[in-house]
Amino acid sequence: MSYAVFSTAMGYSGIVFGDNEPALRAIKIYLPSSKSFIERAIRHEYGAATEIEKALPRLCSLVRDFLEGNDVTIPFEFVDPSVCYSFQLKVLKAEREVPRGTVASYSWVAKKIGSGAVRAVGSALARNPFPIVVPCHRAVRSDGSLGGFQGGLEMKRRLLELEGVQFDSRGRVTSCILRP
């Protein structure tokens, strides 16, 4: 296992890569925070991982571009879906269909995968190992409020604002909401 920690417009991000294949595929992406926090989190979860000393993999550049506000869709081939459980993978694939600048309600995602388990959808997204590649920040409650987010609600709002999503005075998304 290897990892990279790199600076972005929003702080430091980190990516852990599996070593099962010849091509580096991410098994975990860390949302921006302080460099020390990212490094501690990686050591805690993946103690045996070694830092990549050479040029950063393309995925790091794409994540950086996204966090700078560029319209970037990162191919799913850059990640290793085997780290996800079956239901979660269905949820993540449905969430990837939500276009930039748009949000979808958790119930929309549940309906999209043929499930009525709205809370389970929220739990699957909360454990998304590939934020940015799977833009789980685009999932909100049916009333337009943000719900939860592994990077915190401030980060979720910043990511949505980067994409042009508008909010009302109560912090709810005002338009572009996909609902069942």
N, C-alpha and C. Protein backbone atom coordinates (compact mmCIF):
# COMPACT_ATOMS: atom_id res chain seq x y z
N MET A 1 0.83 -1.18 0.00
CA MET A 1 0.00 0.00 0.00
C MET A 1 0.88 1.25 0.00
N SER A 2 0.41 2.26 -0.71
CA SER A 2 1.15 3.52 -0.75
C SER A 2 0.16 4.67 -0.62
N TYR A 3 0.69 5.86 -0.34
CA TYR A 3 -0.19 7.02 -0.20
C TYR A 3 0.51 8.28 -0.68
N ALA A 4 -0.31 9.28 -0.94
CA ALA A 4 0.20 10.60 -1.32
C ALA A 4 -0.58 11.63 -0.53
N VAL A 5 0.11 12.62 -0.01
CA VAL A 5 -0.51 13.78 0.64
C VAL A 5 -0.08 14.98 -0.20
N PHE A 6 -1.05 15.81 -0.57
CA PHE A 6 -0.75 16.91 -1.49
C PHE A 6 -1.61 18.12 -1.15
N SER A 7 -1.09 19.30 -1.49
CA SER A 7 -1.82 20.53 -1.19
C SER A 7 -2.89 20.78 -2.25
N THR A 8 -3.99 21.38 -1.79
CA THR A 8 -5.08 21.77 -2.68
C THR A 8 -5.50 23.18 -2.30
N ALA A 9 -6.43 23.73 -3.04
CA ALA A 9 -6.94 25.07 -2.74
C ALA A 9 -7.68 25.12 -1.41
N MET A 10 -8.06 23.96 -0.87
CA MET A 10 -8.83 23.91 0.38
C MET A 10 -8.05 23.31 1.54
N GLY A 11 -6.79 23.06 1.37
CA GLY A 11 -5.98 22.41 2.41
C GLY A 11 -5.28 21.21 1.81
N TYR A 12 -4.84 20.31 2.67
CA TYR A 12 -4.16 19.10 2.19
C TYR A 12 -5.16 17.97 2.04
N SER A 13 -4.97 17.20 1.00
CA SER A 13 -5.78 16.01 0.77
C SER A 13 -4.84 14.82 0.75
N GLY A 14 -5.40 13.64 0.88
CA GLY A 14 -4.58 12.43 0.85
C GLY A 14 -5.30 11.33 0.11
N ILE A 15 -4.52 10.47 -0.52
CA ILE A 15 -5.07 9.31 -1.22
C ILE A 15 -4.23 8.10 -0.87
N VAL A 16 -4.91 7.02 -0.49
CA VAL A 16 -4.23 5.75 -0.23
C VAL A 16 -4.51 4.84 -1.43
N PHE A 17 -3.46 4.22 -1.92
CA PHE A 17 -3.55 3.35 -3.09
C PHE A 17 -3.32 1.90 -2.67
N GLY A 18 -4.12 1.00 -3.22
CA GLY A 18 -3.93 -0.42 -2.97
C GLY A 18 -2.76 -0.93 -3.80
N ASP A 19 -2.31 -2.14 -3.49
CA ASP A 19 -1.18 -2.68 -4.24
C ASP A 19 -1.52 -4.02 -4.89
N ASN A 20 -2.79 -4.24 -5.16
CA ASN A 20 -3.22 -5.50 -5.75
C ASN A 20 -3.01 -5.56 -7.25
N GLU A 21 -2.79 -4.42 -7.88
CA GLU A 21 -2.76 -4.39 -9.34
C GLU A 21 -1.54 -3.61 -9.82
N PRO A 22 -1.21 -3.75 -11.09
CA PRO A 22 -0.09 -2.97 -11.61
C PRO A 22 -0.39 -1.47 -11.64
N ALA A 23 -1.63 -1.09 -11.87
CA ALA A 23 -2.01 0.33 -11.89
C ALA A 23 -2.44 0.75 -10.49
N LEU A 24 -2.01 1.93 -10.08
CA LEU A 24 -2.42 2.44 -8.77
C LEU A 24 -3.89 2.79 -8.79
N ARG A 25 -4.65 2.18 -7.90
CA ARG A 25 -6.08 2.50 -7.76
C ARG A 25 -6.33 2.89 -6.31
N ALA A 26 -7.09 3.95 -6.12
CA ALA A 26 -7.34 4.46 -4.78
C ALA A 26 -8.26 3.53 -4.00
N ILE A 27 -7.93 3.35 -2.73
CA ILE A 27 -8.83 2.64 -1.82
C ILE A 27 -9.42 3.59 -0.79
N LYS A 28 -8.86 4.81 -0.72
CA LYS A 28 -9.40 5.81 0.21
C LYS A 28 -8.91 7.19 -0.22
N ILE A 29 -9.84 8.15 -0.24
CA ILE A 29 -9.50 9.54 -0.51
C ILE A 29 -9.92 10.36 0.70
N TYR A 30 -9.01 11.18 1.18
CA TYR A 30 -9.29 12.05 2.33
C TYR A 30 -9.60 13.45 1.85
N LEU A 31 -10.70 13.99 2.35
CA LEU A 31 -11.08 15.36 2.03
C LEU A 31 -10.08 16.33 2.66
N PRO A 32 -9.97 17.53 2.12
CA PRO A 32 -8.98 18.48 2.61
C PRO A 32 -9.09 18.79 4.10
N SER A 33 -7.93 18.90 4.71
CA SER A 33 -7.78 19.24 6.12
C SER A 33 -6.34 19.73 6.28
N SER A 34 -5.84 19.71 7.51
CA SER A 34 -4.43 20.06 7.70
C SER A 34 -3.55 18.87 7.30
N LYS A 35 -2.33 19.16 6.94
CA LYS A 35 -1.41 18.10 6.53
C LYS A 35 -1.20 17.10 7.66
N SER A 36 -1.03 17.60 8.88
CA SER A 36 -0.78 16.69 10.01
C SER A 36 -1.99 15.80 10.27
N PHE A 37 -3.21 16.34 10.12
CA PHE A 37 -4.41 15.52 10.32
C PHE A 37 -4.47 14.40 9.29
N ILE A 38 -4.24 14.73 8.03
CA ILE A 38 -4.29 13.73 6.96
C ILE A 38 -3.24 12.64 7.21
N GLU A 39 -2.02 13.04 7.53
CA GLU A 39 -0.95 12.06 7.76
C GLU A 39 -1.26 11.16 8.95
N ARG A 40 -1.79 11.75 10.04
CA ARG A 40 -2.17 10.93 11.21
C ARG A 40 -3.27 9.95 10.86
N ALA A 41 -4.28 10.41 10.11
CA ALA A 41 -5.40 9.54 9.74
C ALA A 41 -4.91 8.37 8.89
N ILE A 42 -4.02 8.64 7.96
CA ILE A 42 -3.49 7.57 7.11
C ILE A 42 -2.69 6.58 7.95
N ARG A 43 -1.82 7.07 8.83
CA ARG A 43 -1.04 6.17 9.69
C ARG A 43 -1.95 5.34 10.58
N HIS A 44 -3.02 5.96 11.09
CA HIS A 44 -3.95 5.24 11.97
C HIS A 44 -4.68 4.13 11.22
N GLU A 45 -5.16 4.43 10.02
CA GLU A 45 -5.93 3.44 9.26
C GLU A 45 -5.07 2.48 8.45
N TYR A 46 -3.90 2.95 8.00
CA TYR A 46 -3.06 2.16 7.09
C TYR A 46 -1.60 2.25 7.54
N GLY A 47 -1.31 1.78 8.71
CA GLY A 47 0.02 1.91 9.30
C GLY A 47 1.17 1.47 8.41
N ALA A 48 0.96 0.47 7.59
CA ALA A 48 2.05 -0.08 6.77
C ALA A 48 2.22 0.64 5.43
N ALA A 49 1.39 1.60 5.14
CA ALA A 49 1.47 2.30 3.85
C ALA A 49 2.75 3.13 3.78
N THR A 50 3.31 3.23 2.59
CA THR A 50 4.52 4.03 2.39
C THR A 50 4.19 5.22 1.49
N GLU A 51 4.82 6.34 1.79
CA GLU A 51 4.55 7.55 1.02
C GLU A 51 5.18 7.45 -0.37
N ILE A 52 4.44 7.91 -1.36
CA ILE A 52 4.93 7.93 -2.74
C ILE A 52 5.97 9.04 -2.85
N GLU A 53 7.15 8.67 -3.27
CA GLU A 53 8.25 9.63 -3.36
C GLU A 53 8.35 10.26 -4.75
N LYS A 54 7.87 9.53 -5.75
CA LYS A 54 8.00 10.02 -7.13
C LYS A 54 6.87 10.99 -7.46
N ALA A 55 6.70 11.29 -8.71
CA ALA A 55 5.63 12.20 -9.15
C ALA A 55 4.26 11.67 -8.71
N LEU A 56 3.40 12.57 -8.33
CA LEU A 56 2.07 12.17 -7.87
C LEU A 56 1.26 11.55 -8.99
N PRO A 57 0.50 10.51 -8.67
CA PRO A 57 -0.38 9.90 -9.68
C PRO A 57 -1.40 10.90 -10.23
N ARG A 58 -1.88 10.65 -11.42
CA ARG A 58 -2.85 11.52 -12.12
C ARG A 58 -4.07 11.82 -11.25
N LEU A 59 -4.52 10.85 -10.47
CA LEU A 59 -5.69 11.06 -9.62
C LEU A 59 -5.49 12.25 -8.69
N CYS A 60 -4.30 12.41 -8.15
CA CYS A 60 -4.04 13.54 -7.26
C CYS A 60 -4.25 14.87 -7.99
N SER A 61 -3.78 14.95 -9.22
CA SER A 61 -3.96 16.17 -10.02
C SER A 61 -5.43 16.45 -10.29
N LEU A 62 -6.18 15.40 -10.57
CA LEU A 62 -7.61 15.58 -10.85
C LEU A 62 -8.36 16.04 -9.60
N VAL A 63 -8.03 15.47 -8.45
CA VAL A 63 -8.67 15.90 -7.19
C VAL A 63 -8.32 17.36 -6.93
N ARG A 64 -7.06 17.72 -7.11
CA ARG A 64 -6.63 19.11 -6.92
C ARG A 64 -7.41 20.04 -7.85
N ASP A 65 -7.53 19.67 -9.12
CA ASP A 65 -8.28 20.48 -10.09
C ASP A 65 -9.73 20.67 -9.64
N PHE A 66 -10.36 19.59 -9.20
CA PHE A 66 -11.75 19.66 -8.73
C PHE A 66 -11.87 20.66 -7.58
N LEU A 67 -10.95 20.56 -6.62
CA LEU A 67 -11.01 21.42 -5.44
C LEU A 67 -10.65 22.87 -5.74
N GLU A 68 -10.12 23.13 -6.92
CA GLU A 68 -9.88 24.50 -7.37
C GLU A 68 -11.10 25.07 -8.09
N GLY A 69 -12.15 24.25 -8.22
CA GLY A 69 -13.38 24.72 -8.85
C GLY A 69 -13.51 24.36 -10.31
N ASN A 70 -12.57 23.61 -10.84
CA ASN A 70 -12.65 23.21 -12.25
C ASN A 70 -13.70 22.12 -12.44
N ASP A 71 -14.32 22.13 -13.60
CA ASP A 71 -15.34 21.14 -13.94
C ASP A 71 -14.64 19.84 -14.35
N VAL A 72 -14.44 18.98 -13.37
CA VAL A 72 -13.69 17.74 -13.58
C VAL A 72 -14.57 16.56 -13.16
N THR A 73 -14.66 15.57 -14.03
CA THR A 73 -15.28 14.30 -13.67
C THR A 73 -14.16 13.27 -13.65
N ILE A 74 -13.95 12.66 -12.51
CA ILE A 74 -12.84 11.72 -12.36
C ILE A 74 -13.33 10.31 -12.69
N PRO A 75 -12.68 9.65 -13.63
CA PRO A 75 -13.12 8.30 -14.00
C PRO A 75 -13.12 7.33 -12.81
N PHE A 76 -14.14 6.50 -12.76
CA PHE A 76 -14.28 5.52 -11.68
C PHE A 76 -13.15 4.49 -11.74
N GLU A 77 -12.50 4.36 -12.86
CA GLU A 77 -11.40 3.41 -13.02
C GLU A 77 -10.21 3.75 -12.13
N PHE A 78 -10.16 4.97 -11.59
CA PHE A 78 -9.07 5.37 -10.71
C PHE A 78 -9.22 4.83 -9.29
N VAL A 79 -10.37 4.23 -8.99
CA VAL A 79 -10.61 3.72 -7.63
C VAL A 79 -10.83 2.22 -7.65
N ASP A 80 -10.68 1.61 -6.49
CA ASP A 80 -10.86 0.16 -6.35
C ASP A 80 -12.20 -0.10 -5.65
N PRO A 81 -13.24 -0.43 -6.41
CA PRO A 81 -14.57 -0.61 -5.81
C PRO A 81 -14.68 -1.83 -4.90
N SER A 82 -13.67 -2.69 -4.89
CA SER A 82 -13.75 -3.89 -4.04
C SER A 82 -13.73 -3.54 -2.55
N VAL A 83 -13.38 -2.30 -2.19
CA VAL A 83 -13.40 -1.90 -0.78
C VAL A 83 -14.82 -1.52 -0.32
N CYS A 84 -15.78 -1.52 -1.24
CA CYS A 84 -17.17 -1.18 -0.92
C CYS A 84 -18.01 -2.44 -0.79
N TYR A 85 -19.05 -2.37 0.04
CA TYR A 85 -20.00 -3.48 0.10
C TYR A 85 -21.03 -3.28 -1.02
N SER A 86 -21.76 -4.33 -1.36
CA SER A 86 -22.62 -4.36 -2.54
C SER A 86 -23.63 -3.21 -2.59
N PHE A 87 -24.39 -3.01 -1.50
CA PHE A 87 -25.39 -1.94 -1.47
C PHE A 87 -24.70 -0.58 -1.63
N GLN A 88 -23.59 -0.40 -0.95
CA GLN A 88 -22.87 0.87 -1.03
C GLN A 88 -22.43 1.16 -2.46
N LEU A 89 -21.95 0.15 -3.15
CA LEU A 89 -21.51 0.34 -4.53
C LEU A 89 -22.66 0.79 -5.43
N LYS A 90 -23.85 0.24 -5.22
CA LYS A 90 -25.03 0.69 -5.98
C LYS A 90 -25.32 2.16 -5.70
N VAL A 91 -25.25 2.53 -4.42
CA VAL A 91 -25.50 3.92 -4.02
C VAL A 91 -24.47 4.85 -4.66
N LEU A 92 -23.21 4.47 -4.59
CA LEU A 92 -22.14 5.32 -5.13
C LEU A 92 -22.27 5.50 -6.63
N LYS A 93 -22.63 4.45 -7.33
CA LYS A 93 -22.81 4.56 -8.78
C LYS A 93 -23.99 5.47 -9.12
N ALA A 94 -25.07 5.39 -8.35
CA ALA A 94 -26.22 6.29 -8.58
C ALA A 94 -25.84 7.74 -8.28
N GLU A 95 -25.09 7.95 -7.22
CA GLU A 95 -24.69 9.31 -6.84
C GLU A 95 -23.77 9.93 -7.89
N ARG A 96 -22.97 9.13 -8.56
CA ARG A 96 -22.10 9.64 -9.63
C ARG A 96 -22.89 10.20 -10.80
N GLU A 97 -24.16 9.82 -10.92
CA GLU A 97 -25.00 10.31 -12.01
C GLU A 97 -25.54 11.72 -11.77
N VAL A 98 -25.39 12.22 -10.55
CA VAL A 98 -25.88 13.57 -10.23
C VAL A 98 -24.90 14.57 -10.84
N PRO A 99 -25.38 15.41 -11.77
CA PRO A 99 -24.47 16.33 -12.46
C PRO A 99 -23.94 17.45 -11.56
N ARG A 100 -22.81 17.98 -11.93
CA ARG A 100 -22.20 19.13 -11.26
C ARG A 100 -23.22 20.27 -11.21
N GLY A 101 -23.29 20.96 -10.08
CA GLY A 101 -24.20 22.08 -9.92
C GLY A 101 -25.62 21.66 -9.58
N THR A 102 -25.83 20.37 -9.38
CA THR A 102 -27.14 19.81 -9.05
C THR A 102 -26.98 18.99 -7.78
N VAL A 103 -28.05 18.91 -7.02
CA VAL A 103 -28.05 18.01 -5.86
C VAL A 103 -29.21 17.05 -5.99
N ALA A 104 -29.11 15.93 -5.30
CA ALA A 104 -30.18 14.93 -5.30
C ALA A 104 -30.54 14.62 -3.86
N SER A 105 -31.82 14.41 -3.62
CA SER A 105 -32.23 14.01 -2.28
C SER A 105 -31.80 12.57 -2.04
N TYR A 106 -31.62 12.24 -0.77
CA TYR A 106 -31.28 10.86 -0.41
C TYR A 106 -32.37 9.92 -0.92
N SER A 107 -33.62 10.38 -0.89
CA SER A 107 -34.72 9.53 -1.36
C SER A 107 -34.66 9.33 -2.88
N TRP A 108 -34.16 10.33 -3.63
CA TRP A 108 -33.98 10.16 -5.07
C TRP A 108 -32.97 9.04 -5.34
N VAL A 109 -31.87 9.05 -4.58
CA VAL A 109 -30.84 8.03 -4.75
C VAL A 109 -31.42 6.66 -4.41
N ALA A 110 -32.19 6.58 -3.32
CA ALA A 110 -32.80 5.30 -2.93
C ALA A 110 -33.71 4.78 -4.04
N LYS A 111 -34.54 5.67 -4.58
CA LYS A 111 -35.45 5.25 -5.66
C LYS A 111 -34.65 4.84 -6.90
N LYS A 112 -33.59 5.55 -7.20
CA LYS A 112 -32.76 5.26 -8.37
C LYS A 112 -32.21 3.83 -8.34
N ILE A 113 -31.90 3.35 -7.13
CA ILE A 113 -31.34 1.99 -7.02
C ILE A 113 -32.42 0.97 -6.67
N GLY A 114 -33.69 1.41 -6.66
CA GLY A 114 -34.79 0.48 -6.40
C GLY A 114 -34.93 0.09 -4.95
N SER A 115 -34.62 1.02 -4.06
CA SER A 115 -34.69 0.75 -2.63
C SER A 115 -35.51 1.83 -1.94
N GLY A 116 -36.15 1.45 -0.86
CA GLY A 116 -36.86 2.43 -0.03
C GLY A 116 -36.04 2.80 1.19
N ALA A 117 -34.84 2.31 1.27
CA ALA A 117 -33.99 2.48 2.46
C ALA A 117 -33.21 3.79 2.39
N VAL A 118 -33.92 4.89 2.64
CA VAL A 118 -33.31 6.22 2.53
C VAL A 118 -32.18 6.40 3.55
N ARG A 119 -32.39 5.95 4.78
CA ARG A 119 -31.34 6.09 5.80
C ARG A 119 -30.11 5.26 5.45
N ALA A 120 -30.34 4.08 4.88
CA ALA A 120 -29.21 3.24 4.47
C ALA A 120 -28.41 3.92 3.36
N VAL A 121 -29.10 4.65 2.49
CA VAL A 121 -28.41 5.42 1.45
C VAL A 121 -27.51 6.46 2.12
N GLY A 122 -28.06 7.18 3.10
CA GLY A 122 -27.26 8.17 3.83
C GLY A 122 -26.05 7.55 4.50
N SER A 123 -26.23 6.38 5.09
CA SER A 123 -25.11 5.69 5.75
C SER A 123 -24.06 5.25 4.74
N ALA A 124 -24.50 4.76 3.59
CA ALA A 124 -23.55 4.34 2.55
C ALA A 124 -22.74 5.53 2.05
N LEU A 125 -23.39 6.67 1.88
CA LEU A 125 -22.68 7.86 1.42
C LEU A 125 -21.75 8.40 2.51
N ALA A 126 -22.16 8.28 3.77
CA ALA A 126 -21.31 8.75 4.88
C ALA A 126 -20.00 7.97 4.94
N ARG A 127 -20.03 6.74 4.45
CA ARG A 127 -18.83 5.89 4.45
C ARG A 127 -18.17 5.81 3.07
N ASN A 128 -18.50 6.73 2.20
CA ASN A 128 -17.93 6.77 0.85
C ASN A 128 -16.41 6.89 0.93
N PRO A 129 -15.68 5.88 0.47
CA PRO A 129 -14.22 5.98 0.53
C PRO A 129 -13.62 6.86 -0.57
N PHE A 130 -14.46 7.31 -1.51
CA PHE A 130 -13.96 8.05 -2.67
C PHE A 130 -14.64 9.41 -2.86
N PRO A 131 -14.70 10.26 -1.81
CA PRO A 131 -15.32 11.56 -2.04
C PRO A 131 -14.56 12.29 -3.16
N ILE A 132 -15.23 13.09 -3.88
CA ILE A 132 -14.80 13.80 -5.08
C ILE A 132 -14.97 12.90 -6.30
N VAL A 133 -14.41 11.68 -6.30
CA VAL A 133 -14.65 10.76 -7.41
C VAL A 133 -16.13 10.41 -7.43
N VAL A 134 -16.68 10.11 -6.26
CA VAL A 134 -18.12 9.95 -6.09
C VAL A 134 -18.55 11.18 -5.29
N PRO A 135 -19.17 12.15 -5.95
CA PRO A 135 -19.45 13.44 -5.32
C PRO A 135 -20.62 13.37 -4.33
N CYS A 136 -20.37 12.73 -3.19
CA CYS A 136 -21.43 12.52 -2.20
C CYS A 136 -21.89 13.83 -1.56
N HIS A 137 -21.12 14.90 -1.75
CA HIS A 137 -21.56 16.20 -1.25
C HIS A 137 -22.81 16.69 -1.98
N ARG A 138 -23.16 16.05 -3.09
CA ARG A 138 -24.34 16.44 -3.87
C ARG A 138 -25.62 15.80 -3.35
N ALA A 139 -25.56 15.04 -2.28
CA ALA A 139 -26.76 14.43 -1.69
C ALA A 139 -27.24 15.30 -0.53
N VAL A 140 -28.53 15.64 -0.55
CA VAL A 140 -29.12 16.48 0.49
C VAL A 140 -30.46 15.88 0.93
N ARG A 141 -31.00 16.45 1.99
CA ARG A 141 -32.33 16.02 2.44
C ARG A 141 -33.38 16.54 1.46
N SER A 142 -34.55 15.94 1.52
CA SER A 142 -35.64 16.31 0.60
C SER A 142 -36.05 17.78 0.73
N ASP A 143 -35.85 18.37 1.91
CA ASP A 143 -36.22 19.77 2.11
C ASP A 143 -35.12 20.74 1.67
N GLY A 144 -34.03 20.20 1.11
CA GLY A 144 -32.94 21.04 0.64
C GLY A 144 -31.87 21.31 1.67
N SER A 145 -32.09 20.88 2.92
CA SER A 145 -31.04 21.06 3.93
C SER A 145 -29.91 20.06 3.66
N LEU A 146 -28.74 20.37 4.17
CA LEU A 146 -27.56 19.63 3.77
C LEU A 146 -27.50 18.19 4.28
N GLY A 147 -28.09 17.88 5.40
CA GLY A 147 -27.95 16.53 5.94
C GLY A 147 -26.57 16.40 6.56
N GLY A 148 -25.90 15.29 6.35
CA GLY A 148 -24.57 15.09 6.92
C GLY A 148 -23.51 15.06 5.84
N PHE A 149 -22.25 14.98 6.29
CA PHE A 149 -21.13 14.87 5.36
C PHE A 149 -19.89 14.53 6.16
N GLN A 150 -19.12 13.58 5.66
CA GLN A 150 -17.93 13.12 6.38
C GLN A 150 -16.89 14.22 6.57
N GLY A 151 -16.89 15.22 5.71
CA GLY A 151 -15.95 16.33 5.83
C GLY A 151 -16.52 17.50 6.61
N GLY A 152 -17.72 17.35 7.16
CA GLY A 152 -18.37 18.43 7.88
C GLY A 152 -19.25 19.26 6.95
N LEU A 153 -20.25 19.90 7.53
CA LEU A 153 -21.21 20.66 6.72
C LEU A 153 -20.60 21.89 6.06
N GLU A 154 -19.62 22.50 6.70
CA GLU A 154 -18.96 23.66 6.09
C GLU A 154 -18.25 23.24 4.80
N MET A 155 -17.56 22.11 4.84
CA MET A 155 -16.88 21.60 3.64
C MET A 155 -17.90 21.25 2.56
N LYS A 156 -19.01 20.62 2.96
CA LYS A 156 -20.05 20.25 2.00
C LYS A 156 -20.57 21.49 1.29
N ARG A 157 -20.86 22.52 2.07
CA ARG A 157 -21.37 23.76 1.47
C ARG A 157 -20.33 24.38 0.54
N ARG A 158 -19.06 24.40 0.95
CA ARG A 158 -18.00 24.97 0.10
C ARG A 158 -17.91 24.23 -1.23
N LEU A 159 -17.99 22.90 -1.19
CA LEU A 159 -17.92 22.11 -2.42
C LEU A 159 -19.11 22.41 -3.33
N LEU A 160 -20.29 22.51 -2.73
CA LEU A 160 -21.48 22.83 -3.53
C LEU A 160 -21.41 24.24 -4.11
N GLU A 161 -20.92 25.19 -3.32
CA GLU A 161 -20.78 26.56 -3.83
C GLU A 161 -19.76 26.62 -4.97
N LEU A 162 -18.70 25.81 -4.90
CA LEU A 162 -17.74 25.73 -6.01
C LEU A 162 -18.43 25.34 -7.31
N GLU A 163 -19.48 24.54 -7.18
CA GLU A 163 -20.22 24.06 -8.35
C GLU A 163 -21.36 24.99 -8.75
N GLY A 164 -21.54 26.08 -8.02
CA GLY A 164 -22.57 27.05 -8.37
C GLY A 164 -23.92 26.81 -7.72
N VAL A 165 -24.00 25.92 -6.75
CA VAL A 165 -25.26 25.66 -6.05
C VAL A 165 -25.57 26.86 -5.14
N GLN A 166 -26.83 27.29 -5.16
CA GLN A 166 -27.27 28.45 -4.39
C GLN A 166 -28.01 28.00 -3.12
N PHE A 167 -27.92 28.83 -2.07
CA PHE A 167 -28.55 28.54 -0.79
C PHE A 167 -29.44 29.71 -0.36
N ASP A 168 -30.48 29.40 0.41
CA ASP A 168 -31.32 30.46 0.96
C ASP A 168 -30.76 30.89 2.31
N SER A 169 -31.45 31.80 2.98
CA SER A 169 -30.97 32.33 4.25
C SER A 169 -30.94 31.29 5.37
N ARG A 170 -31.66 30.19 5.19
CA ARG A 170 -31.66 29.11 6.19
C ARG A 170 -30.62 28.04 5.87
N GLY A 171 -29.85 28.24 4.81
CA GLY A 171 -28.81 27.29 4.45
C GLY A 171 -29.30 26.11 3.64
N ARG A 172 -30.48 26.26 3.03
CA ARG A 172 -31.03 25.18 2.21
C ARG A 172 -30.78 25.46 0.74
N VAL A 173 -30.57 24.39 -0.01
CA VAL A 173 -30.38 24.51 -1.45
C VAL A 173 -31.68 25.05 -2.05
N THR A 174 -31.55 26.02 -2.95
CA THR A 174 -32.75 26.68 -3.48
C THR A 174 -33.23 26.14 -4.82
N SER A 175 -32.37 25.46 -5.56
CA SER A 175 -32.81 24.94 -6.86
C SER A 175 -31.95 23.75 -7.26
N CYS A 176 -32.29 23.18 -8.39
CA CYS A 176 -31.54 22.06 -8.95
C CYS A 176 -31.52 20.84 -8.03
N ILE A 177 -32.67 20.54 -7.42
CA ILE A 177 -32.75 19.37 -6.54
C ILE A 177 -33.51 18.26 -7.26
N LEU A 178 -32.87 17.11 -7.38
CA LEU A 178 -33.54 15.93 -7.93
C LEU A 178 -34.29 15.24 -6.80
N ARG A 179 -35.59 15.07 -7.01
CA ARG A 179 -36.43 14.40 -6.01
C ARG A 179 -37.20 13.30 -6.71
N PRO A 180 -37.58 12.24 -5.95
CA PRO A 180 -38.36 11.17 -6.60
C PRO A 180 -39.73 11.64 -7.04
